[in-house]
Protein backbone atom coordinates (compact mmCIF):
# COMPACT_ATOMS: atom_id res chain seq x y z
CA UNK A 1 0.00 0.00 0.00
CA UNK A 2 1.15 3.52 -0.77
CA UNK A 3 -0.56 6.60 0.59
CA UNK A 4 -0.37 9.37 -1.99
CA UNK A 5 -1.76 12.34 -0.12
CA UNK A 6 -4.31 13.57 2.41
CA UNK A 7 -7.67 14.00 0.70
CA UNK A 8 -9.44 15.74 3.58
CA UNK A 9 -9.54 16.28 7.32
CA UNK A 10 -12.99 15.79 8.84
CA UNK A 11 -14.48 17.26 11.99
CA UNK A 12 -17.75 15.98 13.39
CA UNK A 13 -20.22 18.70 14.33
CA UNK A 14 -23.65 18.71 15.92
CA UNK A 15 -25.10 21.60 13.88
CA UNK A 16 -23.81 21.71 10.31
CA UNK A 17 -25.30 25.11 9.49
CA UNK A 18 -23.79 26.78 12.59
CA UNK A 19 -20.38 25.13 12.08
CA UNK A 20 -20.28 25.95 8.35
CA UNK A 21 -21.08 29.59 9.15
CA UNK A 22 -18.20 29.67 11.68
CA UNK A 23 -15.62 28.30 9.24
CA UNK A 24 -16.96 30.36 6.30
CA UNK A 25 -17.85 33.69 7.95
CA UNK A 26 -15.68 33.83 11.07
CA UNK A 27 -12.52 32.16 9.77
CA UNK A 28 -13.04 33.18 6.13
CA UNK A 29 -12.48 29.76 4.53
CA UNK A 30 -13.85 29.34 1.00
CA UNK A 31 -16.79 26.92 1.16
CA UNK A 32 -16.95 24.58 -1.83
CA UNK A 33 -19.72 22.14 -0.85
CA UNK A 34 -22.71 22.35 1.46
CA UNK A 35 -25.39 19.65 1.60
CA UNK A 36 -28.03 19.40 4.32
CA UNK A 37 -29.13 16.11 2.71
CA UNK A 38 -25.70 14.53 3.11
CA UNK A 39 -24.94 16.50 6.30
CA UNK A 40 -21.65 17.53 4.73
CA UNK A 41 -19.69 20.70 4.03
CA UNK A 42 -16.23 21.18 2.53
CA UNK A 43 -13.84 24.12 2.70
CA UNK A 44 -10.75 24.82 0.61
CA UNK A 45 -7.78 25.24 2.95
CA UNK A 46 -5.15 25.48 0.22
CA UNK A 47 -3.25 22.22 0.61
CA UNK A 48 -6.08 20.13 2.11
CA UNK A 49 -9.87 20.10 2.30
CA UNK A 50 -11.61 20.56 5.64
CA UNK A 51 -14.82 18.51 5.74
CA UNK A 52 -17.59 18.90 8.31
CA UNK A 53 -19.93 15.99 9.00
CA UNK A 54 -23.05 17.35 10.67
CA UNK A 55 -25.86 15.99 12.76
CA UNK A 56 -23.54 14.02 14.99
CA UNK A 57 -24.30 13.52 18.69
CA UNK A 58 -21.01 14.57 20.20
CA UNK A 59 -19.62 13.49 23.57
CA UNK A 60 -19.49 16.05 26.38
CA UNK A 61 -15.74 16.42 25.95
CA UNK A 62 -14.15 16.17 22.52
CA UNK A 63 -10.82 14.38 22.63
CA UNK A 64 -10.23 14.17 18.89
CA UNK A 65 -7.53 15.65 16.72
CA UNK A 66 -6.83 19.24 15.90
CA UNK A 67 -6.53 21.12 12.65
CA UNK A 68 -3.91 23.86 12.30
CA UNK A 69 -4.41 26.75 9.89
CA UNK A 70 -1.45 28.82 8.74
CA UNK A 71 -1.99 32.56 9.26
CA UNK A 72 0.18 35.61 8.57
CA UNK A 73 -0.13 37.04 12.08
CA UNK A 74 -1.11 34.85 15.04
CA UNK A 75 -1.43 37.79 17.44
CA UNK A 76 -3.56 39.74 14.96
CA UNK A 77 -5.79 36.71 14.30
CA UNK A 78 -6.12 36.16 18.06
CA UNK A 79 -7.24 39.77 18.62
CA UNK A 80 -9.67 39.69 15.67
CA UNK A 81 -11.33 36.43 16.69
CA UNK A 82 -11.48 37.39 20.37
CA UNK A 83 -13.29 40.61 19.36
CA UNK A 84 -15.80 38.46 17.44
CA UNK A 85 -16.53 36.43 20.57
CA UNK A 86 -14.71 33.28 19.49
CA UNK A 87 -13.65 31.12 22.44
CA UNK A 88 -9.86 31.18 22.73
CA UNK A 89 -7.72 28.80 24.77
CA UNK A 90 -5.01 30.93 26.33
CA UNK A 91 -2.74 33.50 24.73
CA UNK A 92 -0.58 33.07 21.60
CA UNK A 93 2.61 31.17 22.44
CA UNK A 94 5.96 31.67 20.69
CA UNK A 95 7.80 28.33 20.50
CA UNK A 96 10.82 29.72 18.66
CA UNK A 97 10.17 27.72 15.50
CA UNK A 98 6.53 28.80 15.38
CA UNK A 99 3.84 30.83 17.09
CA UNK A 100 0.39 29.39 17.78
CA UNK A 101 -2.88 29.91 19.60
CA UNK A 102 -5.81 27.55 20.03
CA UNK A 103 -9.46 28.49 19.54
CA UNK A 104 -12.65 26.46 19.80
CA UNK A 105 -15.29 26.08 17.11
CA UNK A 106 -19.00 26.02 18.09
CA UNK A 107 -18.75 22.28 18.95
CA UNK A 108 -15.53 22.76 20.98
CA UNK A 109 -13.30 21.22 18.29
CA UNK A 110 -9.84 22.70 18.79
CA UNK A 111 -8.51 24.79 15.90
CA UNK A 112 -4.91 25.97 15.94
CA UNK A 113 -3.89 29.25 14.31
CA UNK A 114 -0.23 28.82 13.47
CA UNK A 115 2.72 30.60 11.88
CA UNK A 116 6.12 29.02 11.27
CA UNK A 117 9.12 31.22 12.08
CA UNK A 118 10.63 30.56 8.65
CA UNK A 119 7.44 31.74 6.91
CA UNK A 120 6.67 28.40 5.24
CA UNK A 121 3.27 26.75 5.43
CA UNK A 122 1.58 23.60 4.23
CA UNK A 123 3.85 20.75 3.26
CA UNK A 124 7.18 22.59 3.19
CA UNK A 125 8.16 22.26 6.83
CA UNK A 126 11.72 20.93 6.42
CA UNK A 127 13.38 24.25 7.30
CA UNK A 128 11.30 24.66 10.46
CA UNK A 129 12.11 21.07 11.46
CA UNK A 130 15.83 21.63 10.89
CA UNK A 131 15.74 24.79 13.03
CA UNK A 132 13.97 22.85 15.81
CA UNK A 133 16.57 20.07 15.67
CA UNK A 134 19.45 22.57 15.87
CA UNK A 135 17.81 24.34 18.81
CA UNK A 136 17.40 21.04 20.70
CA UNK A 137 20.98 19.99 19.93
CA UNK A 138 22.41 23.37 21.02
CA UNK A 139 20.29 24.84 23.82
C-alpha atoms as a PDB file:
ATOM      1  CA  UNK A   1       0.000   0.000   0.000  1.00  0.00           C
ATOM      2  CA  UNK A   2       1.154   3.518  -0.772  1.00  0.00           C
ATOM      3  CA  UNK A   3      -0.562   6.602   0.590  1.00  0.00           C
ATOM      4  CA  UNK A   4      -0.371   9.374  -1.995  1.00  0.00           C
ATOM      5  CA  UNK A   5      -1.765  12.342  -0.116  1.00  0.00           C
ATOM      6  CA  UNK A   6      -4.305  13.569   2.405  1.00  0.00           C
ATOM      7  CA  UNK A   7      -7.675  13.999   0.702  1.00  0.00           C
ATOM      8  CA  UNK A   8      -9.439  15.744   3.578  1.00  0.00           C
ATOM      9  CA  UNK A   9      -9.536  16.284   7.316  1.00  0.00           C
ATOM     10  CA  UNK A  10     -12.990  15.794   8.844  1.00  0.00           C
ATOM     11  CA  UNK A  11     -14.485  17.264  11.988  1.00  0.00           C
ATOM     12  CA  UNK A  12     -17.751  15.984  13.386  1.00  0.00           C
ATOM     13  CA  UNK A  13     -20.216  18.705  14.330  1.00  0.00           C
ATOM     14  CA  UNK A  14     -23.646  18.708  15.919  1.00  0.00           C
ATOM     15  CA  UNK A  15     -25.098  21.595  13.882  1.00  0.00           C
ATOM     16  CA  UNK A  16     -23.808  21.715  10.306  1.00  0.00           C
ATOM     17  CA  UNK A  17     -25.296  25.109   9.488  1.00  0.00           C
ATOM     18  CA  UNK A  18     -23.792  26.780  12.589  1.00  0.00           C
ATOM     19  CA  UNK A  19     -20.382  25.129  12.078  1.00  0.00           C
ATOM     20  CA  UNK A  20     -20.285  25.948   8.347  1.00  0.00           C
ATOM     21  CA  UNK A  21     -21.079  29.589   9.154  1.00  0.00           C
ATOM     22  CA  UNK A  22     -18.198  29.669  11.681  1.00  0.00           C
ATOM     23  CA  UNK A  23     -15.623  28.300   9.236  1.00  0.00           C
ATOM     24  CA  UNK A  24     -16.959  30.363   6.299  1.00  0.00           C
ATOM     25  CA  UNK A  25     -17.845  33.686   7.955  1.00  0.00           C
ATOM     26  CA  UNK A  26     -15.678  33.833  11.075  1.00  0.00           C
ATOM     27  CA  UNK A  27     -12.518  32.157   9.767  1.00  0.00           C
ATOM     28  CA  UNK A  28     -13.038  33.180   6.128  1.00  0.00           C
ATOM     29  CA  UNK A  29     -12.477  29.762   4.534  1.00  0.00           C
ATOM     30  CA  UNK A  30     -13.850  29.345   0.999  1.00  0.00           C
ATOM     31  CA  UNK A  31     -16.786  26.922   1.155  1.00  0.00           C
ATOM     32  CA  UNK A  32     -16.947  24.583  -1.830  1.00  0.00           C
ATOM     33  CA  UNK A  33     -19.718  22.141  -0.848  1.00  0.00           C
ATOM     34  CA  UNK A  34     -22.715  22.349   1.461  1.00  0.00           C
ATOM     35  CA  UNK A  35     -25.390  19.650   1.602  1.00  0.00           C
ATOM     36  CA  UNK A  36     -28.031  19.398   4.316  1.00  0.00           C
ATOM     37  CA  UNK A  37     -29.132  16.110   2.709  1.00  0.00           C
ATOM     38  CA  UNK A  38     -25.701  14.535   3.105  1.00  0.00           C
ATOM     39  CA  UNK A  39     -24.939  16.503   6.304  1.00  0.00           C
ATOM     40  CA  UNK A  40     -21.647  17.525   4.728  1.00  0.00           C
ATOM     41  CA  UNK A  41     -19.686  20.696   4.031  1.00  0.00           C
ATOM     42  CA  UNK A  42     -16.232  21.180   2.530  1.00  0.00           C
ATOM     43  CA  UNK A  43     -13.835  24.121   2.702  1.00  0.00           C
ATOM     44  CA  UNK A  44     -10.754  24.821   0.611  1.00  0.00           C
ATOM     45  CA  UNK A  45      -7.785  25.235   2.949  1.00  0.00           C
ATOM     46  CA  UNK A  46      -5.147  25.478   0.225  1.00  0.00           C
ATOM     47  CA  UNK A  47      -3.255  22.223   0.613  1.00  0.00           C
ATOM     48  CA  UNK A  48      -6.080  20.131   2.114  1.00  0.00           C
ATOM     49  CA  UNK A  49      -9.873  20.103   2.303  1.00  0.00           C
ATOM     50  CA  UNK A  50     -11.611  20.557   5.639  1.00  0.00           C
ATOM     51  CA  UNK A  51     -14.823  18.514   5.736  1.00  0.00           C
ATOM     52  CA  UNK A  52     -17.589  18.903   8.314  1.00  0.00           C
ATOM     53  CA  UNK A  53     -19.934  15.993   9.000  1.00  0.00           C
ATOM     54  CA  UNK A  54     -23.050  17.351  10.666  1.00  0.00           C
ATOM     55  CA  UNK A  55     -25.865  15.993  12.760  1.00  0.00           C
ATOM     56  CA  UNK A  56     -23.541  14.016  14.987  1.00  0.00           C
ATOM     57  CA  UNK A  57     -24.304  13.523  18.688  1.00  0.00           C
ATOM     58  CA  UNK A  58     -21.012  14.573  20.204  1.00  0.00           C
ATOM     59  CA  UNK A  59     -19.622  13.487  23.570  1.00  0.00           C
ATOM     60  CA  UNK A  60     -19.493  16.046  26.375  1.00  0.00           C
ATOM     61  CA  UNK A  61     -15.741  16.424  25.946  1.00  0.00           C
ATOM     62  CA  UNK A  62     -14.150  16.172  22.518  1.00  0.00           C
ATOM     63  CA  UNK A  63     -10.825  14.378  22.630  1.00  0.00           C
ATOM     64  CA  UNK A  64     -10.232  14.168  18.885  1.00  0.00           C
ATOM     65  CA  UNK A  65      -7.532  15.648  16.722  1.00  0.00           C
ATOM     66  CA  UNK A  66      -6.827  19.239  15.903  1.00  0.00           C
ATOM     67  CA  UNK A  67      -6.525  21.116  12.648  1.00  0.00           C
ATOM     68  CA  UNK A  68      -3.912  23.862  12.298  1.00  0.00           C
ATOM     69  CA  UNK A  69      -4.414  26.750   9.889  1.00  0.00           C
ATOM     70  CA  UNK A  70      -1.449  28.822   8.738  1.00  0.00           C
ATOM     71  CA  UNK A  71      -1.991  32.559   9.259  1.00  0.00           C
ATOM     72  CA  UNK A  72       0.176  35.607   8.574  1.00  0.00           C
ATOM     73  CA  UNK A  73      -0.131  37.040  12.081  1.00  0.00           C
ATOM     74  CA  UNK A  74      -1.114  34.850  15.041  1.00  0.00           C
ATOM     75  CA  UNK A  75      -1.425  37.789  17.444  1.00  0.00           C
ATOM     76  CA  UNK A  76      -3.562  39.741  14.961  1.00  0.00           C
ATOM     77  CA  UNK A  77      -5.788  36.709  14.301  1.00  0.00           C
ATOM     78  CA  UNK A  78      -6.119  36.163  18.058  1.00  0.00           C
ATOM     79  CA  UNK A  79      -7.243  39.773  18.617  1.00  0.00           C
ATOM     80  CA  UNK A  80      -9.666  39.690  15.667  1.00  0.00           C
ATOM     81  CA  UNK A  81     -11.333  36.428  16.692  1.00  0.00           C
ATOM     82  CA  UNK A  82     -11.484  37.391  20.372  1.00  0.00           C
ATOM     83  CA  UNK A  83     -13.287  40.612  19.363  1.00  0.00           C
ATOM     84  CA  UNK A  84     -15.798  38.455  17.438  1.00  0.00           C
ATOM     85  CA  UNK A  85     -16.530  36.427  20.571  1.00  0.00           C
ATOM     86  CA  UNK A  86     -14.705  33.278  19.489  1.00  0.00           C
ATOM     87  CA  UNK A  87     -13.652  31.116  22.435  1.00  0.00           C
ATOM     88  CA  UNK A  88      -9.857  31.184  22.729  1.00  0.00           C
ATOM     89  CA  UNK A  89      -7.723  28.803  24.768  1.00  0.00           C
ATOM     90  CA  UNK A  90      -5.008  30.933  26.330  1.00  0.00           C
ATOM     91  CA  UNK A  91      -2.740  33.495  24.726  1.00  0.00           C
ATOM     92  CA  UNK A  92      -0.585  33.073  21.603  1.00  0.00           C
ATOM     93  CA  UNK A  93       2.613  31.173  22.436  1.00  0.00           C
ATOM     94  CA  UNK A  94       5.956  31.672  20.689  1.00  0.00           C
ATOM     95  CA  UNK A  95       7.799  28.331  20.498  1.00  0.00           C
ATOM     96  CA  UNK A  96      10.817  29.721  18.660  1.00  0.00           C
ATOM     97  CA  UNK A  97      10.167  27.716  15.497  1.00  0.00           C
ATOM     98  CA  UNK A  98       6.534  28.800  15.380  1.00  0.00           C
ATOM     99  CA  UNK A  99       3.838  30.831  17.090  1.00  0.00           C
ATOM    100  CA  UNK A 100       0.393  29.393  17.776  1.00  0.00           C
ATOM    101  CA  UNK A 101      -2.880  29.913  19.604  1.00  0.00           C
ATOM    102  CA  UNK A 102      -5.813  27.547  20.030  1.00  0.00           C
ATOM    103  CA  UNK A 103      -9.458  28.493  19.541  1.00  0.00           C
ATOM    104  CA  UNK A 104     -12.654  26.463  19.797  1.00  0.00           C
ATOM    105  CA  UNK A 105     -15.293  26.081  17.110  1.00  0.00           C
ATOM    106  CA  UNK A 106     -19.003  26.020  18.086  1.00  0.00           C
ATOM    107  CA  UNK A 107     -18.746  22.277  18.953  1.00  0.00           C
ATOM    108  CA  UNK A 108     -15.530  22.755  20.976  1.00  0.00           C
ATOM    109  CA  UNK A 109     -13.295  21.224  18.290  1.00  0.00           C
ATOM    110  CA  UNK A 110      -9.837  22.705  18.794  1.00  0.00           C
ATOM    111  CA  UNK A 111      -8.513  24.786  15.904  1.00  0.00           C
ATOM    112  CA  UNK A 112      -4.908  25.969  15.944  1.00  0.00           C
ATOM    113  CA  UNK A 113      -3.885  29.254  14.314  1.00  0.00           C
ATOM    114  CA  UNK A 114      -0.231  28.823  13.471  1.00  0.00           C
ATOM    115  CA  UNK A 115       2.725  30.600  11.878  1.00  0.00           C
ATOM    116  CA  UNK A 116       6.120  29.023  11.267  1.00  0.00           C
ATOM    117  CA  UNK A 117       9.120  31.217  12.081  1.00  0.00           C
ATOM    118  CA  UNK A 118      10.626  30.560   8.649  1.00  0.00           C
ATOM    119  CA  UNK A 119       7.442  31.743   6.907  1.00  0.00           C
ATOM    120  CA  UNK A 120       6.669  28.401   5.236  1.00  0.00           C
ATOM    121  CA  UNK A 121       3.272  26.755   5.430  1.00  0.00           C
ATOM    122  CA  UNK A 122       1.579  23.601   4.225  1.00  0.00           C
ATOM    123  CA  UNK A 123       3.848  20.754   3.257  1.00  0.00           C
ATOM    124  CA  UNK A 124       7.176  22.593   3.186  1.00  0.00           C
ATOM    125  CA  UNK A 125       8.158  22.257   6.832  1.00  0.00           C
ATOM    126  CA  UNK A 126      11.724  20.929   6.419  1.00  0.00           C
ATOM    127  CA  UNK A 127      13.384  24.253   7.305  1.00  0.00           C
ATOM    128  CA  UNK A 128      11.295  24.660  10.464  1.00  0.00           C
ATOM    129  CA  UNK A 129      12.106  21.072  11.461  1.00  0.00           C
ATOM    130  CA  UNK A 130      15.827  21.632  10.895  1.00  0.00           C
ATOM    131  CA  UNK A 131      15.737  24.785  13.032  1.00  0.00           C
ATOM    132  CA  UNK A 132      13.974  22.854  15.809  1.00  0.00           C
ATOM    133  CA  UNK A 133      16.567  20.069  15.669  1.00  0.00           C
ATOM    134  CA  UNK A 134      19.446  22.567  15.870  1.00  0.00           C
ATOM    135  CA  UNK A 135      17.807  24.341  18.811  1.00  0.00           C
ATOM    136  CA  UNK A 136      17.396  21.036  20.703  1.00  0.00           C
ATOM    137  CA  UNK A 137      20.977  19.989  19.929  1.00  0.00           C
ATOM    138  CA  UNK A 138      22.408  23.366  21.022  1.00  0.00           C
ATOM    139  CA  UNK A 139      20.294  24.840  23.824  1.00  0.00           C
END
